[in-house]
Amino acid sequence: MTKKYRVVFYGTTLEQGIFRQNMAKLGVADSTLDKYVKRAPVVLKRDLTLADARRYADTIIAAGGLVNIQETGELSETKPSAEGSGISPDQDFVMCHNCGFKQTREDFCVRCGFDLNSSP
């Protein structure tokens, strides 16, 4: 088992026009970027190794983004089977106490990174 990480976007450190130009050079569509900026904080990438998370974060930081790398747990060495990929009707859902986002039960909010196991 290896640890897994995610990169969370919090906003921009540069003027938004410059940030948008820099991200366009990286191939990010304007519509996608609009979603990230409006919904920040938002998880950009998840289930990464620390090295991959650092490379990804460094690229966004160089473009003028404000990001954070968060440890999210352990990554299984085996890939999940195709059968277990669907959401069953009785699967538990939880609402984030920090941002109100409803998601399947996990340890951290996929939108804002809040620890869902902490007391509200």
C-alpha atoms as a PDB file:
ATOM      1  CA  MET A   1       0.000   0.000   0.000  1.00  0.00           C
ATOM      2  CA  THR A   2       1.209   3.485  -0.840  1.00  0.00           C
ATOM      3  CA  LYS A   3      -0.167   6.781   0.362  1.00  0.00           C
ATOM      4  CA  LYS A   4      -2.340   8.779  -2.014  1.00  0.00           C
ATOM      5  CA  TYR A   5      -2.695  12.522  -2.317  1.00  0.00           C
ATOM      6  CA  ARG A   6      -4.919  15.095  -3.947  1.00  0.00           C
ATOM      7  CA  VAL A   7      -4.390  18.636  -5.204  1.00  0.00           C
ATOM      8  CA  VAL A   8      -6.939  21.219  -4.046  1.00  0.00           C
ATOM      9  CA  PHE A   9      -7.347  24.572  -5.842  1.00  0.00           C
ATOM     10  CA  TYR A  10      -8.155  27.577  -3.582  1.00  0.00           C
ATOM     11  CA  GLY A  11      -7.945  30.510  -5.980  1.00  0.00           C
ATOM     12  CA  THR A  12      -5.379  32.632  -7.770  1.00  0.00           C
ATOM     13  CA  THR A  13      -2.279  34.498  -6.658  1.00  0.00           C
ATOM     14  CA  LEU A  14      -2.078  36.575  -9.842  1.00  0.00           C
ATOM     15  CA  GLU A  15      -4.594  38.790 -11.594  1.00  0.00           C
ATOM     16  CA  GLN A  16      -7.252  36.469 -13.047  1.00  0.00           C
ATOM     17  CA  GLY A  17      -6.582  37.459 -16.664  1.00  0.00           C
ATOM     18  CA  ILE A  18      -2.926  36.452 -16.392  1.00  0.00           C
ATOM     19  CA  PHE A  19      -3.861  33.229 -14.592  1.00  0.00           C
ATOM     20  CA  ARG A  20      -6.353  32.379 -17.360  1.00  0.00           C
ATOM     21  CA  GLN A  21      -3.712  32.998 -20.055  1.00  0.00           C
ATOM     22  CA  ASN A  22      -1.208  30.788 -18.248  1.00  0.00           C
ATOM     23  CA  MET A  23      -3.757  27.992 -17.793  1.00  0.00           C
ATOM     24  CA  ALA A  24      -4.800  28.244 -21.458  1.00  0.00           C
ATOM     25  CA  LYS A  25      -1.157  27.590 -22.384  1.00  0.00           C
ATOM     26  CA  LEU A  26      -1.461  24.376 -20.359  1.00  0.00           C
ATOM     27  CA  GLY A  27      -4.529  23.357 -22.368  1.00  0.00           C
ATOM     28  CA  VAL A  28      -7.229  24.090 -19.765  1.00  0.00           C
ATOM     29  CA  ALA A  29     -10.499  25.167 -21.391  1.00  0.00           C
ATOM     30  CA  ASP A  30     -12.002  28.483 -20.282  1.00  0.00           C
ATOM     31  CA  SER A  31     -15.285  26.799 -19.294  1.00  0.00           C
ATOM     32  CA  THR A  32     -13.429  24.325 -17.069  1.00  0.00           C
ATOM     33  CA  LEU A  33     -11.405  27.111 -15.509  1.00  0.00           C
ATOM     34  CA  ASP A  34     -14.596  29.090 -14.813  1.00  0.00           C
ATOM     35  CA  LYS A  35     -15.946  26.145 -12.792  1.00  0.00           C
ATOM     36  CA  TYR A  36     -12.754  25.866 -10.764  1.00  0.00           C
ATOM     37  CA  VAL A  37     -12.572  29.582  -9.966  1.00  0.00           C
ATOM     38  CA  LYS A  38     -16.270  29.869  -9.048  1.00  0.00           C
ATOM     39  CA  ARG A  39     -16.381  26.717  -6.922  1.00  0.00           C
ATOM     40  CA  ALA A  40     -13.012  27.072  -5.168  1.00  0.00           C
ATOM     41  CA  PRO A  41     -11.939  25.300  -3.096  1.00  0.00           C
ATOM     42  CA  VAL A  42     -12.179  22.348  -5.458  1.00  0.00           C
ATOM     43  CA  VAL A  43     -10.215  19.112  -5.849  1.00  0.00           C
ATOM     44  CA  LEU A  44      -8.336  19.194  -9.166  1.00  0.00           C
ATOM     45  CA  LYS A  45      -6.703  15.756  -9.017  1.00  0.00           C
ATOM     46  CA  ARG A  46      -6.937  12.853  -6.611  1.00  0.00           C
ATOM     47  CA  ASP A  47      -5.354   9.447  -6.036  1.00  0.00           C
ATOM     48  CA  LEU A  48      -1.860  10.681  -6.932  1.00  0.00           C
ATOM     49  CA  THR A  49       1.518   9.682  -5.601  1.00  0.00           C
ATOM     50  CA  LEU A  50       3.288  12.436  -3.690  1.00  0.00           C
ATOM     51  CA  ALA A  51       5.720  13.005  -6.568  1.00  0.00           C
ATOM     52  CA  ASP A  52       2.879  13.339  -9.093  1.00  0.00           C
ATOM     53  CA  ALA A  53       0.906  15.624  -6.753  1.00  0.00           C
ATOM     54  CA  ARG A  54       3.952  17.885  -6.341  1.00  0.00           C
ATOM     55  CA  ARG A  55       4.545  18.093 -10.098  1.00  0.00           C
ATOM     56  CA  TYR A  56       0.866  18.892 -10.713  1.00  0.00           C
ATOM     57  CA  ALA A  57       0.755  21.477  -7.903  1.00  0.00           C
ATOM     58  CA  ASP A  58       4.005  23.117  -9.032  1.00  0.00           C
ATOM     59  CA  THR A  59       2.568  23.565 -12.535  1.00  0.00           C
ATOM     60  CA  ILE A  60      -0.603  25.228 -11.207  1.00  0.00           C
ATOM     61  CA  ILE A  61       1.421  27.418  -8.810  1.00  0.00           C
ATOM     62  CA  ALA A  62       3.702  28.532 -11.666  1.00  0.00           C
ATOM     63  CA  ALA A  63       0.572  29.543 -13.615  1.00  0.00           C
ATOM     64  CA  GLY A  64      -0.597  31.675 -10.675  1.00  0.00           C
ATOM     65  CA  GLY A  65      -2.885  29.297  -8.814  1.00  0.00           C
ATOM     66  CA  LEU A  66      -3.122  28.765  -5.081  1.00  0.00           C
ATOM     67  CA  VAL A  67      -3.165  25.027  -4.369  1.00  0.00           C
ATOM     68  CA  ASN A  68      -2.595  22.622  -1.510  1.00  0.00           C
ATOM     69  CA  ILE A  69      -1.542  18.972  -1.474  1.00  0.00           C
ATOM     70  CA  GLN A  70      -3.521  16.825   0.955  1.00  0.00           C
ATOM     71  CA  GLU A  71      -2.925  13.232   2.011  1.00  0.00           C
ATOM     72  CA  THR A  72      -6.116  11.222   1.548  1.00  0.00           C
ATOM     73  CA  GLY A  73      -5.183   7.759   2.737  1.00  0.00           C
ATOM     74  CA  GLU A  74      -3.825   4.576   1.283  1.00  0.00           C
ATOM     75  CA  LEU A  75      -3.872   3.544  -2.363  1.00  0.00           C
ATOM     76  CA  SER A  76      -4.440  -0.146  -2.933  1.00  0.00           C
ATOM     77  CA  GLU A  77      -1.862  -1.869  -5.104  1.00  0.00           C
ATOM     78  CA  THR A  78      -4.639  -3.763  -6.884  1.00  0.00           C
ATOM     79  CA  LYS A  79      -7.184  -2.146  -9.151  1.00  0.00           C
ATOM     80  CA  PRO A  80     -10.868  -2.435  -8.189  1.00  0.00           C
ATOM     81  CA  SER A  81     -12.996  -4.803 -10.230  1.00  0.00           C
ATOM     82  CA  ALA A  82     -15.472  -3.483 -12.793  1.00  0.00           C
ATOM     83  CA  GLU A  83     -18.345  -4.984 -10.801  1.00  0.00           C
ATOM     84  CA  GLY A  84     -17.688  -2.777  -7.773  1.00  0.00           C
ATOM     85  CA  SER A  85     -17.621   0.491  -9.701  1.00  0.00           C
ATOM     86  CA  GLY A  86     -21.348   1.267  -9.609  1.00  0.00           C
ATOM     87  CA  ILE A  87     -23.177   3.052  -6.827  1.00  0.00           C
ATOM     88  CA  SER A  88     -25.665   0.827  -5.104  1.00  0.00           C
ATOM     89  CA  PRO A  89     -29.034   2.351  -4.126  1.00  0.00           C
ATOM     90  CA  ASP A  90     -28.375   1.697  -0.453  1.00  0.00           C
ATOM     91  CA  GLN A  91     -24.918   3.289  -0.409  1.00  0.00           C
ATOM     92  CA  ASP A  92     -24.401   5.838   2.367  1.00  0.00           C
ATOM     93  CA  PHE A  93     -24.249   9.510   1.538  1.00  0.00           C
ATOM     94  CA  VAL A  94     -22.968  12.307   3.734  1.00  0.00           C
ATOM     95  CA  MET A  95     -23.208  16.101   3.635  1.00  0.00           C
ATOM     96  CA  CYS A  96     -20.074  18.148   4.325  1.00  0.00           C
ATOM     97  CA  HIS A  97     -20.400  20.253   7.475  1.00  0.00           C
ATOM     98  CA  ASN A  98     -18.102  22.874   5.975  1.00  0.00           C
ATOM     99  CA  CYS A  99     -19.471  23.527   2.451  1.00  0.00           C
ATOM    100  CA  GLY A 100     -22.753  21.550   2.324  1.00  0.00           C
ATOM    101  CA  PHE A 101     -21.677  19.306  -0.563  1.00  0.00           C
ATOM    102  CA  LYS A 102     -23.496  15.934  -0.659  1.00  0.00           C
ATOM    103  CA  GLN A 103     -21.349  12.963  -1.628  1.00  0.00           C
ATOM    104  CA  THR A 104     -20.854   9.259  -1.043  1.00  0.00           C
ATOM    105  CA  ARG A 105     -19.356   8.521   2.368  1.00  0.00           C
ATOM    106  CA  GLU A 106     -15.618   9.243   2.436  1.00  0.00           C
ATOM    107  CA  ASP A 107     -13.121  10.549   4.981  1.00  0.00           C
ATOM    108  CA  PHE A 108     -12.724  13.948   3.299  1.00  0.00           C
ATOM    109  CA  CYS A 109     -15.065  16.217   1.323  1.00  0.00           C
ATOM    110  CA  VAL A 110     -14.228  15.973  -2.387  1.00  0.00           C
ATOM    111  CA  ARG A 111     -15.143  19.629  -2.854  1.00  0.00           C
ATOM    112  CA  CYS A 112     -13.383  21.460  -0.006  1.00  0.00           C
ATOM    113  CA  GLY A 113     -11.174  18.830   1.648  1.00  0.00           C
ATOM    114  CA  PHE A 114     -12.895  19.067   5.061  1.00  0.00           C
ATOM    115  CA  ASP A 115     -12.311  16.071   7.352  1.00  0.00           C
ATOM    116  CA  LEU A 116     -15.765  14.482   7.500  1.00  0.00           C
ATOM    117  CA  ASN A 117     -14.790  12.371  10.511  1.00  0.00           C
ATOM    118  CA  SER A 118     -14.293  15.432  12.736  1.00  0.00           C
ATOM    119  CA  SER A 119     -17.073  16.656  15.001  1.00  0.00           C
ATOM    120  CA  PRO A 120     -19.388  19.320  13.501  1.00  0.00           C
END
